[in-house]
Amino acid sequence: MLTIYFGNSSKEQEKYEQFFDAHHIEYQKRLADKMGRRQLMALLAQTPDCFEILSPALLKYKRSRRFHFNQLLDLILVRPSRYLRLPIVIANDMVYAGVTLEDLRIFLPRDEKRRHYQELLSKE
């Protein structure tokens, strides 16, 4: 099962949900703005470099020696939809940040990918 964190865009959310439903992919949706400190810490812990899922605007804090991790968490929690690269998908303990609609195909079961590829070949 996939877990996907969304921002505030209901249109974008709807498109992603339509894709998952059309392909019978089980998912759990969560709103980033309702994320708590523990959830955020768990999400960051699943990434090799927590800055992979953060907005480029926060990169300056990566090099800062005066800015502590707890301060970074506090900043993110003020506006998660601004500071996280949403949507974020968690699948098989892997975190994918900034997933686009085109990227969603990587979550399709192998059989469905194969079937889709064969359909494309048969059209030619």
PDB file of N, CA and C in Angstrom:
ATOM      1  N   MET A   1       0.843  -1.183   0.000  1.00  0.00           N
ATOM      2  CA  MET A   1       0.000   0.000   0.000  1.00  0.00           C
ATOM      3  C   MET A   1       0.886   1.244   0.000  1.00  0.00           C
ATOM      4  N   LEU A   2       0.454   2.229  -0.748  1.00  0.00           N
ATOM      5  CA  LEU A   2       1.169   3.498  -0.830  1.00  0.00           C
ATOM      6  C   LEU A   2       0.590   4.486   0.176  1.00  0.00           C
ATOM      7  N   THR A   3       1.428   5.353   0.664  1.00  0.00           N
ATOM      8  CA  THR A   3       0.978   6.491   1.457  1.00  0.00           C
ATOM      9  C   THR A   3       1.390   7.721   0.674  1.00  0.00           C
ATOM     10  N   ILE A   4       0.458   8.633   0.500  1.00  0.00           N
ATOM     11  CA  ILE A   4       0.765   9.835  -0.278  1.00  0.00           C
ATOM     12  C   ILE A   4       0.352  11.079   0.509  1.00  0.00           C
ATOM     13  N   TYR A   5       1.293  12.003   0.613  1.00  0.00           N
ATOM     14  CA  TYR A   5       1.054  13.280   1.281  1.00  0.00           C
ATOM     15  C   TYR A   5       0.782  14.335   0.218  1.00  0.00           C
ATOM     16  N   PHE A   6      -0.329  15.019   0.381  1.00  0.00           N
ATOM     17  CA  PHE A   6      -0.740  16.061  -0.556  1.00  0.00           C
ATOM     18  C   PHE A   6      -0.655  17.431   0.088  1.00  0.00           C
ATOM     19  N   GLY A   7      -0.619  18.441  -0.780  1.00  0.00           N
ATOM     20  CA  GLY A   7      -0.731  19.824  -0.330  1.00  0.00           C
ATOM     21  C   GLY A   7      -2.195  20.211  -0.315  1.00  0.00           C
ATOM     22  N   ASN A   8      -2.469  21.462  -0.594  1.00  0.00           N
ATOM     23  CA  ASN A   8      -3.841  21.967  -0.526  1.00  0.00           C
ATOM     24  C   ASN A   8      -4.586  21.938  -1.849  1.00  0.00           C
ATOM     25  N   SER A   9      -3.947  21.524  -2.922  1.00  0.00           N
ATOM     26  CA  SER A   9      -4.575  21.545  -4.239  1.00  0.00           C
ATOM     27  C   SER A   9      -5.512  20.350  -4.419  1.00  0.00           C
ATOM     28  N   SER A  10      -6.813  20.615  -4.350  1.00  0.00           N
ATOM     29  CA  SER A  10      -7.779  19.518  -4.469  1.00  0.00           C
ATOM     30  C   SER A  10      -7.855  18.984  -5.897  1.00  0.00           C
ATOM     31  N   LYS A  11      -7.596  19.839  -6.893  1.00  0.00           N
ATOM     32  CA  LYS A  11      -7.616  19.369  -8.283  1.00  0.00           C
ATOM     33  C   LYS A  11      -6.490  18.369  -8.526  1.00  0.00           C
ATOM     34  N   GLU A  12      -5.302  18.695  -8.051  1.00  0.00           N
ATOM     35  CA  GLU A  12      -4.156  17.794  -8.203  1.00  0.00           C
ATOM     36  C   GLU A  12      -4.428  16.487  -7.461  1.00  0.00           C
ATOM     37  N   GLN A  13      -4.941  16.612  -6.259  1.00  0.00           N
ATOM     38  CA  GLN A  13      -5.253  15.445  -5.439  1.00  0.00           C
ATOM     39  C   GLN A  13      -6.241  14.525  -6.158  1.00  0.00           C
ATOM     40  N   GLU A  14      -7.236  15.119  -6.762  1.00  0.00           N
ATOM     41  CA  GLU A  14      -8.258  14.356  -7.476  1.00  0.00           C
ATOM     42  C   GLU A  14      -7.656  13.575  -8.647  1.00  0.00           C
ATOM     43  N   LYS A  15      -6.740  14.184  -9.376  1.00  0.00           N
ATOM     44  CA  LYS A  15      -6.101  13.504 -10.511  1.00  0.00           C
ATOM     45  C   LYS A  15      -5.292  12.296 -10.046  1.00  0.00           C
ATOM     46  N   TYR A  16      -4.583  12.461  -8.960  1.00  0.00           N
ATOM     47  CA  TYR A  16      -3.796  11.355  -8.421  1.00  0.00           C
ATOM     48  C   TYR A  16      -4.713  10.232  -7.950  1.00  0.00           C
ATOM     49  N   GLU A  17      -5.781  10.587  -7.262  1.00  0.00           N
ATOM     50  CA  GLU A  17      -6.731   9.589  -6.778  1.00  0.00           C
ATOM     51  C   GLU A  17      -7.380   8.843  -7.940  1.00  0.00           C
ATOM     52  N   GLN A  18      -7.716   9.552  -9.007  1.00  0.00           N
ATOM     53  CA  GLN A  18      -8.294   8.903 -10.191  1.00  0.00           C
ATOM     54  C   GLN A  18      -7.320   7.887 -10.774  1.00  0.00           C
ATOM     55  N   PHE A  19      -6.048   8.244 -10.838  1.00  0.00           N
ATOM     56  CA  PHE A  19      -5.038   7.322 -11.364  1.00  0.00           C
ATOM     57  C   PHE A  19      -4.972   6.065 -10.497  1.00  0.00           C
ATOM     58  N   PHE A  20      -4.844   6.245  -9.190  1.00  0.00           N
ATOM     59  CA  PHE A  20      -4.736   5.096  -8.288  1.00  0.00           C
ATOM     60  C   PHE A  20      -5.985   4.225  -8.346  1.00  0.00           C
ATOM     61  N   ASP A  21      -7.150   4.850  -8.366  1.00  0.00           N
ATOM     62  CA  ASP A  21      -8.399   4.090  -8.423  1.00  0.00           C
ATOM     63  C   ASP A  21      -8.540   3.346  -9.751  1.00  0.00           C
ATOM     64  N   ALA A  22      -8.188   3.995 -10.840  1.00  0.00           N
ATOM     65  CA  ALA A  22      -8.300   3.371 -12.164  1.00  0.00           C
ATOM     66  C   ALA A  22      -7.395   2.152 -12.296  1.00  0.00           C
ATOM     67  N   HIS A  23      -6.276   2.174 -11.585  1.00  0.00           N
ATOM     68  CA  HIS A  23      -5.319   1.068 -11.677  1.00  0.00           C
ATOM     69  C   HIS A  23      -5.375   0.142 -10.460  1.00  0.00           C
ATOM     70  N   HIS A  24      -6.393   0.326  -9.630  1.00  0.00           N
ATOM     71  CA  HIS A  24      -6.624  -0.529  -8.459  1.00  0.00           C
ATOM     72  C   HIS A  24      -5.395  -0.593  -7.550  1.00  0.00           C
ATOM     73  N   ILE A  25      -4.806   0.550  -7.315  1.00  0.00           N
ATOM     74  CA  ILE A  25      -3.656   0.649  -6.419  1.00  0.00           C
ATOM     75  C   ILE A  25      -4.159   1.146  -5.072  1.00  0.00           C
ATOM     76  N   GLU A  26      -3.858   0.381  -4.037  1.00  0.00           N
ATOM     77  CA  GLU A  26      -4.283   0.774  -2.694  1.00  0.00           C
ATOM     78  C   GLU A  26      -3.389   1.910  -2.204  1.00  0.00           C
ATOM     79  N   TYR A  27      -4.014   2.904  -1.624  1.00  0.00           N
ATOM     80  CA  TYR A  27      -3.261   4.047  -1.123  1.00  0.00           C
ATOM     81  C   TYR A  27      -3.964   4.649   0.079  1.00  0.00           C
ATOM     82  N   GLN A  28      -3.173   5.342   0.843  1.00  0.00           N
ATOM     83  CA  GLN A  28      -3.672   6.068   1.995  1.00  0.00           C
ATOM     84  C   GLN A  28      -3.289   7.523   1.763  1.00  0.00           C
ATOM     85  N   LYS A  29      -4.246   8.411   1.782  1.00  0.00           N
ATOM     86  CA  LYS A  29      -3.897   9.816   1.545  1.00  0.00           C
ATOM     87  C   LYS A  29      -3.845  10.572   2.862  1.00  0.00           C
ATOM     88  N   ARG A  30      -2.898  11.484   2.903  1.00  0.00           N
ATOM     89  CA  ARG A  30      -2.734  12.326   4.081  1.00  0.00           C
ATOM     90  C   ARG A  30      -2.458  13.749   3.627  1.00  0.00           C
ATOM     91  N   LEU A  31      -2.888  14.677   4.432  1.00  0.00           N
ATOM     92  CA  LEU A  31      -2.630  16.084   4.131  1.00  0.00           C
ATOM     93  C   LEU A  31      -1.373  16.524   4.877  1.00  0.00           C
ATOM     94  N   ALA A  32      -0.451  17.097   4.151  1.00  0.00           N
ATOM     95  CA  ALA A  32       0.818  17.519   4.745  1.00  0.00           C
ATOM     96  C   ALA A  32       0.599  18.558   5.841  1.00  0.00           C
ATOM     97  N   ASP A  33      -0.392  19.415   5.660  1.00  0.00           N
ATOM     98  CA  ASP A  33      -0.627  20.468   6.647  1.00  0.00           C
ATOM     99  C   ASP A  33      -1.145  19.937   7.981  1.00  0.00           C
ATOM    100  N   LYS A  34      -1.567  18.687   8.012  1.00  0.00           N
ATOM    101  CA  LYS A  34      -2.040  18.093   9.268  1.00  0.00           C
ATOM    102  C   LYS A  34      -0.983  17.166   9.874  1.00  0.00           C
ATOM    103  N   MET A  35       0.209  17.219   9.312  1.00  0.00           N
ATOM    104  CA  MET A  35       1.300  16.373   9.767  1.00  0.00           C
ATOM    105  C   MET A  35       1.810  16.861  11.121  1.00  0.00           C
ATOM    106  N   GLY A  36       2.054  15.910  12.000  1.00  0.00           N
ATOM    107  CA  GLY A  36       2.605  16.237  13.305  1.00  0.00           C
ATOM    108  C   GLY A  36       4.118  16.085  13.316  1.00  0.00           C
ATOM    109  N   ARG A  37       4.704  16.464  14.413  1.00  0.00           N
ATOM    110  CA  ARG A  37       6.163  16.411  14.552  1.00  0.00           C
ATOM    111  C   ARG A  37       6.692  14.983  14.397  1.00  0.00           C
ATOM    112  N   ARG A  38       6.033  14.023  15.026  1.00  0.00           N
ATOM    113  CA  ARG A  38       6.485  12.627  14.935  1.00  0.00           C
ATOM    114  C   ARG A  38       6.397  12.101  13.508  1.00  0.00           C
ATOM    115  N   GLN A  39       5.302  12.417  12.827  1.00  0.00           N
ATOM    116  CA  GLN A  39       5.150  11.986  11.433  1.00  0.00           C
ATOM    117  C   GLN A  39       6.249  12.582  10.568  1.00  0.00           C
ATOM    118  N   LEU A  40       6.526  13.858  10.769  1.00  0.00           N
ATOM    119  CA  LEU A  40       7.566  14.524   9.989  1.00  0.00           C
ATOM    120  C   LEU A  40       8.928  13.893  10.264  1.00  0.00           C
ATOM    121  N   MET A  41       9.226  13.636  11.522  1.00  0.00           N
ATOM    122  CA  MET A  41      10.511  13.020  11.861  1.00  0.00           C
ATOM    123  C   MET A  41      10.628  11.624  11.257  1.00  0.00           C
ATOM    124  N   ALA A  42       9.546  10.860  11.281  1.00  0.00           N
ATOM    125  CA  ALA A  42       9.563   9.518  10.691  1.00  0.00           C
ATOM    126  C   ALA A  42       9.776   9.601   9.182  1.00  0.00           C
ATOM    127  N   LEU A  43       9.137  10.558   8.556  1.00  0.00           N
ATOM    128  CA  LEU A  43       9.286  10.750   7.114  1.00  0.00           C
ATOM    129  C   LEU A  43      10.726  11.130   6.765  1.00  0.00           C
ATOM    130  N   LEU A  44      11.287  12.061   7.506  1.00  0.00           N
ATOM    131  CA  LEU A  44      12.665  12.485   7.259  1.00  0.00           C
ATOM    132  C   LEU A  44      13.653  11.349   7.524  1.00  0.00           C
ATOM    133  N   ALA A  45      13.348  10.513   8.502  1.00  0.00           N
ATOM    134  CA  ALA A  45      14.238   9.394   8.841  1.00  0.00           C
ATOM    135  C   ALA A  45      14.274   8.337   7.738  1.00  0.00           C
ATOM    136  N   GLN A  46      13.252   8.292   6.905  1.00  0.00           N
ATOM    137  CA  GLN A  46      13.192   7.300   5.827  1.00  0.00           C
ATOM    138  C   GLN A  46      14.015   7.702   4.609  1.00  0.00           C
ATOM    139  N   THR A  47      14.568   8.896   4.619  1.00  0.00           N
ATOM    140  CA  THR A  47      15.333   9.367   3.461  1.00  0.00           C
ATOM    141  C   THR A  47      16.824   9.362   3.791  1.00  0.00           C
ATOM    142  N   PRO A  48      17.667   9.071   2.808  1.00  0.00           N
ATOM    143  CA  PRO A  48      19.111   9.111   3.054  1.00  0.00           C
ATOM    144  C   PRO A  48      19.594  10.524   3.403  1.00  0.00           C
ATOM    145  N   ASP A  49      18.991  11.518   2.784  1.00  0.00           N
ATOM    146  CA  ASP A  49      19.301  12.919   3.059  1.00  0.00           C
ATOM    147  C   ASP A  49      17.962  13.637   3.150  1.00  0.00           C
ATOM    148  N   CYS A  50      17.608  14.081   4.331  1.00  0.00           N
ATOM    149  CA  CYS A  50      16.272  14.656   4.532  1.00  0.00           C
ATOM    150  C   CYS A  50      15.999  15.843   3.614  1.00  0.00           C
ATOM    151  N   PHE A  51      17.035  16.478   3.090  1.00  0.00           N
ATOM    152  CA  PHE A  51      16.823  17.634   2.224  1.00  0.00           C
ATOM    153  C   PHE A  51      16.297  17.237   0.852  1.00  0.00           C
ATOM    154  N   GLU A  52      16.274  15.939   0.548  1.00  0.00           N
ATOM    155  CA  GLU A  52      15.707  15.463  -0.717  1.00  0.00           C
ATOM    156  C   GLU A  52      14.219  15.777  -0.821  1.00  0.00           C
ATOM    157  N   ILE A  53      13.541  15.775   0.314  1.00  0.00           N
ATOM    158  CA  ILE A  53      12.097  15.998   0.284  1.00  0.00           C
ATOM    159  C   ILE A  53      11.715  17.425   0.671  1.00  0.00           C
ATOM    160  N   LEU A  54      12.719  18.240   0.931  1.00  0.00           N
ATOM    161  CA  LEU A  54      12.454  19.615   1.342  1.00  0.00           C
ATOM    162  C   LEU A  54      12.616  20.581   0.176  1.00  0.00           C
ATOM    163  N   SER A  55      11.938  21.676   0.286  1.00  0.00           N
ATOM    164  CA  SER A  55      12.005  22.738  -0.715  1.00  0.00           C
ATOM    165  C   SER A  55      13.444  23.238  -0.852  1.00  0.00           C
ATOM    166  N   PRO A  56      13.849  23.581  -2.074  1.00  0.00           N
ATOM    167  CA  PRO A  56      15.193  24.137  -2.266  1.00  0.00           C
ATOM    168  C   PRO A  56      15.448  25.394  -1.423  1.00  0.00           C
ATOM    169  N   ALA A  57      14.396  26.077  -1.036  1.00  0.00           N
ATOM    170  CA  ALA A  57      14.548  27.276  -0.203  1.00  0.00           C
ATOM    171  C   ALA A  57      15.182  26.950   1.148  1.00  0.00           C
ATOM    172  N   LEU A  58      15.108  25.688   1.562  1.00  0.00           N
ATOM    173  CA  LEU A  58      15.660  25.301   2.860  1.00  0.00           C
ATOM    174  C   LEU A  58      17.103  24.808   2.774  1.00  0.00           C
ATOM    175  N   LEU A  59      17.661  24.753   1.591  1.00  0.00           N
ATOM    176  CA  LEU A  59      19.040  24.260   1.441  1.00  0.00           C
ATOM    177  C   LEU A  59      20.058  25.099   2.208  1.00  0.00           C
ATOM    178  N   LYS A  60      19.772  26.368   2.375  1.00  0.00           N
ATOM    179  CA  LYS A  60      20.712  27.222   3.116  1.00  0.00           C
ATOM    180  C   LYS A  60      20.887  26.735   4.553  1.00  0.00           C
ATOM    181  N   TYR A  61      19.871  26.061   5.095  1.00  0.00           N
ATOM    182  CA  TYR A  61      19.957  25.561   6.462  1.00  0.00           C
ATOM    183  C   TYR A  61      20.815  24.301   6.556  1.00  0.00           C
ATOM    184  N   LYS A  62      20.994  23.633   5.428  1.00  0.00           N
ATOM    185  CA  LYS A  62      21.813  22.419   5.413  1.00  0.00           C
ATOM    186  C   LYS A  62      23.268  22.761   5.749  1.00  0.00           C
ATOM    187  N   ARG A  63      23.711  23.894   5.291  1.00  0.00           N
ATOM    188  CA  ARG A  63      25.100  24.297   5.497  1.00  0.00           C
ATOM    189  C   ARG A  63      25.295  25.156   6.751  1.00  0.00           C
ATOM    190  N   SER A  64      24.209  25.545   7.350  1.00  0.00           N
ATOM    191  CA  SER A  64      24.289  26.426   8.513  1.00  0.00           C
ATOM    192  C   SER A  64      24.646  25.637   9.768  1.00  0.00           C
ATOM    193  N   ARG A  65      25.604  26.141  10.490  1.00  0.00           N
ATOM    194  CA  ARG A  65      26.003  25.497  11.751  1.00  0.00           C
ATOM    195  C   ARG A  65      25.226  26.092  12.938  1.00  0.00           C
ATOM    196  N   ARG A  66      24.565  27.203  12.708  1.00  0.00           N
ATOM    197  CA  ARG A  66      23.831  27.868  13.784  1.00  0.00           C
ATOM    198  C   ARG A  66      22.375  27.426  13.860  1.00  0.00           C
ATOM    199  N   PHE A  67      21.921  26.724  12.850  1.00  0.00           N
ATOM    200  CA  PHE A  67      20.517  26.319  12.778  1.00  0.00           C
ATOM    201  C   PHE A  67      20.405  24.851  13.177  1.00  0.00           C
ATOM    202  N   HIS A  68      19.662  24.558  14.219  1.00  0.00           N
ATOM    203  CA  HIS A  68      19.551  23.196  14.741  1.00  0.00           C
ATOM    204  C   HIS A  68      18.405  22.440  14.071  1.00  0.00           C
ATOM    205  N   PHE A  69      18.493  21.134  14.139  1.00  0.00           N
ATOM    206  CA  PHE A  69      17.490  20.268  13.517  1.00  0.00           C
ATOM    207  C   PHE A  69      16.091  20.561  14.055  1.00  0.00           C
ATOM    208  N   ASN A  70      15.965  20.767  15.352  1.00  0.00           N
ATOM    209  CA  ASN A  70      14.652  21.062  15.939  1.00  0.00           C
ATOM    210  C   ASN A  70      14.075  22.367  15.393  1.00  0.00           C
ATOM    211  N   GLN A  71      14.925  23.323  15.134  1.00  0.00           N
ATOM    212  CA  GLN A  71      14.466  24.581  14.541  1.00  0.00           C
ATOM    213  C   GLN A  71      13.970  24.346  13.116  1.00  0.00           C
ATOM    214  N   LEU A  72      14.659  23.474  12.395  1.00  0.00           N
ATOM    215  CA  LEU A  72      14.232  23.132  11.038  1.00  0.00           C
ATOM    216  C   LEU A  72      12.855  22.464  11.068  1.00  0.00           C
ATOM    217  N   LEU A  73      12.663  21.535  12.000  1.00  0.00           N
ATOM    218  CA  LEU A  73      11.358  20.882  12.139  1.00  0.00           C
ATOM    219  C   LEU A  73      10.265  21.901  12.433  1.00  0.00           C
ATOM    220  N   ASP A  74      10.544  22.804  13.359  1.00  0.00           N
ATOM    221  CA  ASP A  74       9.559  23.838  13.708  1.00  0.00           C
ATOM    222  C   ASP A  74       9.196  24.683  12.488  1.00  0.00           C
ATOM    223  N   LEU A  75      10.198  25.044  11.707  1.00  0.00           N
ATOM    224  CA  LEU A  75       9.963  25.850  10.508  1.00  0.00           C
ATOM    225  C   LEU A  75       9.088  25.098   9.511  1.00  0.00           C
ATOM    226  N   ILE A  76       9.398  23.843   9.271  1.00  0.00           N
ATOM    227  CA  ILE A  76       8.623  23.032   8.315  1.00  0.00           C
ATOM    228  C   ILE A  76       7.185  22.885   8.784  1.00  0.00           C
ATOM    229  N   LEU A  77       6.994  22.649  10.072  1.00  0.00           N
ATOM    230  CA  LEU A  77       5.649  22.406  10.603  1.00  0.00           C
ATOM    231  C   LEU A  77       4.760  23.646  10.567  1.00  0.00           C
ATOM    232  N   VAL A  78       5.350  24.825  10.439  1.00  0.00           N
ATOM    233  CA  VAL A  78       4.544  26.044  10.316  1.00  0.00           C
ATOM    234  C   VAL A  78       3.737  25.993   9.024  1.00  0.00           C
ATOM    235  N   ARG A  79       4.395  25.579   7.922  1.00  0.00           N
ATOM    236  CA  ARG A  79       3.717  25.478   6.614  1.00  0.00           C
ATOM    237  C   ARG A  79       4.293  24.307   5.824  1.00  0.00           C
ATOM    238  N   PRO A  80       3.899  23.086   6.169  1.00  0.00           N
ATOM    239  CA  PRO A  80       4.443  21.911   5.475  1.00  0.00           C
ATOM    240  C   PRO A  80       4.226  21.946   3.966  1.00  0.00           C
ATOM    241  N   SER A  81       3.087  22.461   3.529  1.00  0.00           N
ATOM    242  CA  SER A  81       2.819  22.480   2.087  1.00  0.00           C
ATOM    243  C   SER A  81       3.761  23.432   1.347  1.00  0.00           C
ATOM    244  N   ARG A  82       4.393  24.325   2.066  1.00  0.00           N
ATOM    245  CA  ARG A  82       5.358  25.233   1.434  1.00  0.00           C
ATOM    246  C   ARG A  82       6.770  24.652   1.453  1.00  0.00           C
ATOM    247  N   TYR A  83       7.110  23.959   2.529  1.00  0.00           N
ATOM    248  CA  TYR A  83       8.493  23.530   2.712  1.00  0.00           C
ATOM    249  C   TYR A  83       8.776  22.085   2.311  1.00  0.00           C
ATOM    250  N   LEU A  84       7.748  21.317   2.002  1.00  0.00           N
ATOM    251  CA  LEU A  84       7.952  19.945   1.528  1.00  0.00           C
ATOM    252  C   LEU A  84       7.714  19.895   0.027  1.00  0.00           C
ATOM    253  N   ARG A  85       8.443  19.048  -0.663  1.00  0.00           N
ATOM    254  CA  ARG A  85       8.251  18.872  -2.110  1.00  0.00           C
ATOM    255  C   ARG A  85       7.104  17.879  -2.307  1.00  0.00           C
ATOM    256  N   LEU A  86       5.903  18.407  -2.373  1.00  0.00           N
ATOM    257  CA  LEU A  86       4.699  17.584  -2.460  1.00  0.00           C
ATOM    258  C   LEU A  86       4.302  17.356  -3.903  1.00  0.00           C
ATOM    259  N   PRO A  87       3.560  16.327  -4.187  1.00  0.00           N
ATOM    260  CA  PRO A  87       3.183  15.242  -3.291  1.00  0.00           C
ATOM    261  C   PRO A  87       4.363  14.313  -3.012  1.00  0.00           C
ATOM    262  N   ILE A  88       4.301  13.709  -1.837  1.00  0.00           N
ATOM    263  CA  ILE A  88       5.316  12.746  -1.417  1.00  0.00           C
ATOM    264  C   ILE A  88       4.646  11.385  -1.340  1.00  0.00           C
ATOM    265  N   VAL A  89       5.246  10.407  -1.991  1.00  0.00           N
ATOM    266  CA  VAL A  89       4.714   9.042  -1.979  1.00  0.00           C
ATOM    267  C   VAL A  89       5.691   8.156  -1.221  1.00  0.00           C
ATOM    268  N   ILE A  90       5.144   7.337  -0.332  1.00  0.00           N
ATOM    269  CA  ILE A  90       5.953   6.348   0.376  1.00  0.00           C
ATOM    270  C   ILE A  90       5.490   4.980  -0.093  1.00  0.00           C
ATOM    271  N   ALA A  91       6.435   4.222  -0.658  1.00  0.00           N
ATOM    272  CA  ALA A  91       6.141   2.878  -1.163  1.00  0.00           C
ATOM    273  C   ALA A  91       7.313   1.966  -0.831  1.00  0.00           C
ATOM    274  N   ASN A  92       7.015   0.849  -0.204  1.00  0.00           N
ATOM    275  CA  ASN A  92       8.061  -0.125   0.140  1.00  0.00           C
ATOM    276  C   ASN A  92       9.226   0.529   0.880  1.00  0.00           C
ATOM    277  N   ASP A  93       8.907   1.344   1.852  1.00  0.00           N
ATOM    278  CA  ASP A  93       9.902   2.048   2.669  1.00  0.00           C
ATOM    279  C   ASP A  93      10.806   2.988   1.873  1.00  0.00           C
ATOM    280  N   MET A  94      10.389   3.342   0.686  1.00  0.00           N
ATOM    281  CA  MET A  94      11.111   4.323  -0.129  1.00  0.00           C
ATOM    282  C   MET A  94      10.260   5.589  -0.189  1.00  0.00           C
ATOM    283  N   VAL A  95      10.911   6.729  -0.149  1.00  0.00           N
ATOM    284  CA  VAL A  95      10.215   8.012  -0.182  1.00  0.00           C
ATOM    285  C   VAL A  95      10.508   8.695  -1.517  1.00  0.00           C
ATOM    286  N   TYR A  96       9.439   9.089  -2.199  1.00  0.00           N
ATOM    287  CA  TYR A  96       9.543   9.767  -3.489  1.00  0.00           C
ATOM    288  C   TYR A  96       8.920  11.149  -3.339  1.00  0.00           C
ATOM    289  N   ALA A  97       9.725  12.182  -3.496  1.00  0.00           N
ATOM    290  CA  ALA A  97       9.230  13.550  -3.314  1.00  0.00           C
ATOM    291  C   ALA A  97       8.984  14.225  -4.653  1.00  0.00           C
ATOM    292  N   GLY A  98       7.985  15.087  -4.683  1.00  0.00           N
ATOM    293  CA  GLY A  98       7.684  15.849  -5.890  1.00  0.00           C
ATOM    294  C   GLY A  98       7.225  14.977  -7.039  1.00  0.00           C
ATOM    295  N   VAL A  99       6.453  13.956  -6.730  1.00  0.00           N
ATOM    296  CA  VAL A  99       6.001  12.994  -7.736  1.00  0.00           C
ATOM    297  C   VAL A  99       4.988  13.657  -8.671  1.00  0.00           C
ATOM    298  N   THR A 100       5.229  13.535  -9.975  1.00  0.00           N
ATOM    299  CA  THR A 100       4.307  14.087 -10.972  1.00  0.00           C
ATOM    300  C   THR A 100       3.340  12.995 -11.424  1.00  0.00           C
ATOM    301  N   LEU A 101       2.320  13.386 -12.158  1.00  0.00           N
ATOM    302  CA  LEU A 101       1.368  12.403 -12.680  1.00  0.00           C
ATOM    303  C   LEU A 101       2.062  11.387 -13.582  1.00  0.00           C
ATOM    304  N   GLU A 102       3.036  11.837 -14.348  1.00  0.00           N
ATOM    305  CA  GLU A 102       3.771  10.924 -15.229  1.00  0.00           C
ATOM    306  C   GLU A 102       4.591   9.923 -14.424  1.00  0.00           C
ATOM    307  N   ASP A 103       5.095  10.359 -13.281  1.00  0.00           N
ATOM    308  CA  ASP A 103       5.907   9.486 -12.427  1.00  0.00           C
ATOM    309  C   ASP A 103       5.097   8.356 -11.802  1.00  0.00           C
ATOM    310  N   LEU A 104       3.797   8.518 -11.726  1.00  0.00           N
ATOM    311  CA  LEU A 104       2.964   7.529 -11.040  1.00  0.00           C
ATOM    312  C   LEU A 104       3.039   6.144 -11.672  1.00  0.00           C
ATOM    313  N   ARG A 105       3.433   6.075 -12.925  1.00  0.00           N
ATOM    314  CA  ARG A 105       3.514   4.771 -13.600  1.00  0.00           C
ATOM    315  C   ARG A 105       4.496   3.830 -12.919  1.00  0.00           C
ATOM    316  N   ILE A 106       5.471   4.370 -12.201  1.00  0.00           N
ATOM    317  CA  ILE A 106       6.435   3.486 -11.534  1.00  0.00           C
ATOM    318  C   ILE A 106       5.776   2.659 -10.431  1.00  0.00           C
ATOM    319  N   PHE A 107       4.599   3.060  -9.995  1.00  0.00           N
ATOM    320  CA  PHE A 107       3.904   2.334  -8.939  1.00  0.00           C
ATOM    321  C   PHE A 107       2.934   1.285  -9.475  1.00  0.00           C
ATOM    322  N   LEU A 108       2.841   1.180 -10.794  1.00  0.00           N
ATOM    323  CA  LEU A 108       1.965   0.169 -11.394  1.00  0.00           C
ATOM    324  C   LEU A 108       2.562  -1.215 -11.189  1.00  0.00           C
ATOM    325  N   PRO A 109       1.711  -2.212 -10.969  1.00  0.00           N
ATOM    326  CA  PRO A 109       2.213  -3.586 -10.875  1.00  0.00           C
ATOM    327  C   PRO A 109       2.886  -3.989 -12.193  1.00  0.00           C
ATOM    328  N   ARG A 110       3.871  -4.848 -12.106  1.00  0.00           N
ATOM    329  CA  ARG A 110       4.652  -5.265 -13.271  1.00  0.00           C
ATOM    330  C   ARG A 110       3.765  -5.814 -14.387  1.00  0.00           C
ATOM    331  N   ASP A 111       2.753  -6.619 -14.035  1.00  0.00           N
ATOM    332  CA  ASP A 111       1.858  -7.187 -15.052  1.00  0.00           C
ATOM    333  C   ASP A 111       1.145  -6.093 -15.839  1.00  0.00           C
ATOM    334  N   GLU A 112       0.715  -5.072 -15.144  1.00  0.00           N
ATOM    335  CA  GLU A 112       0.005  -3.981 -15.818  1.00  0.00           C
ATOM    336  C   GLU A 112       0.949  -3.182 -16.719  1.00  0.00           C
ATOM    337  N   LYS A 113       2.176  -2.986 -16.283  1.00  0.00           N
ATOM    338  CA  LYS A 113       3.159  -2.299 -17.129  1.00  0.00           C
ATOM    339  C   LYS A 113       3.393  -3.093 -18.410  1.00  0.00           C
ATOM    340  N   ARG A 114       3.531  -4.402 -18.255  1.00  0.00           N
ATOM    341  CA  ARG A 114       3.772  -5.272 -19.410  1.00  0.00           C
ATOM    342  C   ARG A 114       2.585  -5.217 -20.375  1.00  0.00           C
ATOM    343  N   ARG A 115       1.372  -5.288 -19.832  1.00  0.00           N
ATOM    344  CA  ARG A 115       0.155  -5.240 -20.646  1.00  0.00           C
ATOM    345  C   ARG A 115       0.055  -3.902 -21.390  1.00  0.00           C
ATOM    346  N   HIS A 116       0.347  -2.834 -20.700  1.00  0.00           N
ATOM    347  CA  HIS A 116       0.299  -1.503 -21.316  1.00  0.00           C
ATOM    348  C   HIS A 116       1.328  -1.398 -22.445  1.00  0.00           C
ATOM    349  N   TYR A 117       2.513  -1.910 -22.219  1.00  0.00           N
ATOM    350  CA  TYR A 117       3.564  -1.880 -23.240  1.00  0.00           C
ATOM    351  C   TYR A 117       3.145  -2.688 -24.467  1.00  0.00           C
ATOM    352  N   GLN A 118       2.535  -3.843 -24.247  1.00  0.00           N
ATOM    353  CA  GLN A 118       2.077  -4.677 -25.365  1.00  0.00           C
ATOM    354  C   GLN A 118       0.973  -3.978 -26.154  1.00  0.00           C
ATOM    355  N   GLU A 119       0.096  -3.272 -25.467  1.00  0.00           N
ATOM    356  CA  GLU A 119      -0.959  -2.516 -26.148  1.00  0.00           C
ATOM    357  C   GLU A 119      -0.355  -1.428 -27.035  1.00  0.00           C
ATOM    358  N   LEU A 120       0.665  -0.777 -26.527  1.00  0.00           N
ATOM    359  CA  LEU A 120       1.325   0.263 -27.324  1.00  0.00           C
ATOM    360  C   LEU A 120       1.982  -0.330 -28.565  1.00  0.00           C
ATOM    361  N   LEU A 121       2.592  -1.490 -28.416  1.00  0.00           N
ATOM    362  CA  LEU A 121       3.236  -2.142 -29.562  1.00  0.00           C
ATOM    363  C   LEU A 121       2.221  -2.603 -30.599  1.00  0.00           C
ATOM    364  N   SER A 122       1.072  -3.068 -30.133  1.00  0.00           N
ATOM    365  CA  SER A 122       0.061  -3.571 -31.066  1.00  0.00           C
ATOM    366  C   SER A 122      -0.590  -2.438 -31.870  1.00  0.00           C
ATOM    367  N   LYS A 123      -0.546  -1.227 -31.362  1.00  0.00           N
ATOM    368  CA  LYS A 123      -1.122  -0.084 -32.074  1.00  0.00           C
ATOM    369  C   LYS A 123      -0.252   0.344 -33.247  1.00  0.00           C
ATOM    370  N   GLU A 124       1.014  -0.016 -33.199  1.00  0.00           N
ATOM    371  CA  GLU A 124       1.932   0.415 -34.272  1.00  0.00           C
ATOM    372  C   GLU A 124       1.779  -0.390 -35.480  1.00  0.00           C
TER     373      GLU A 124
END
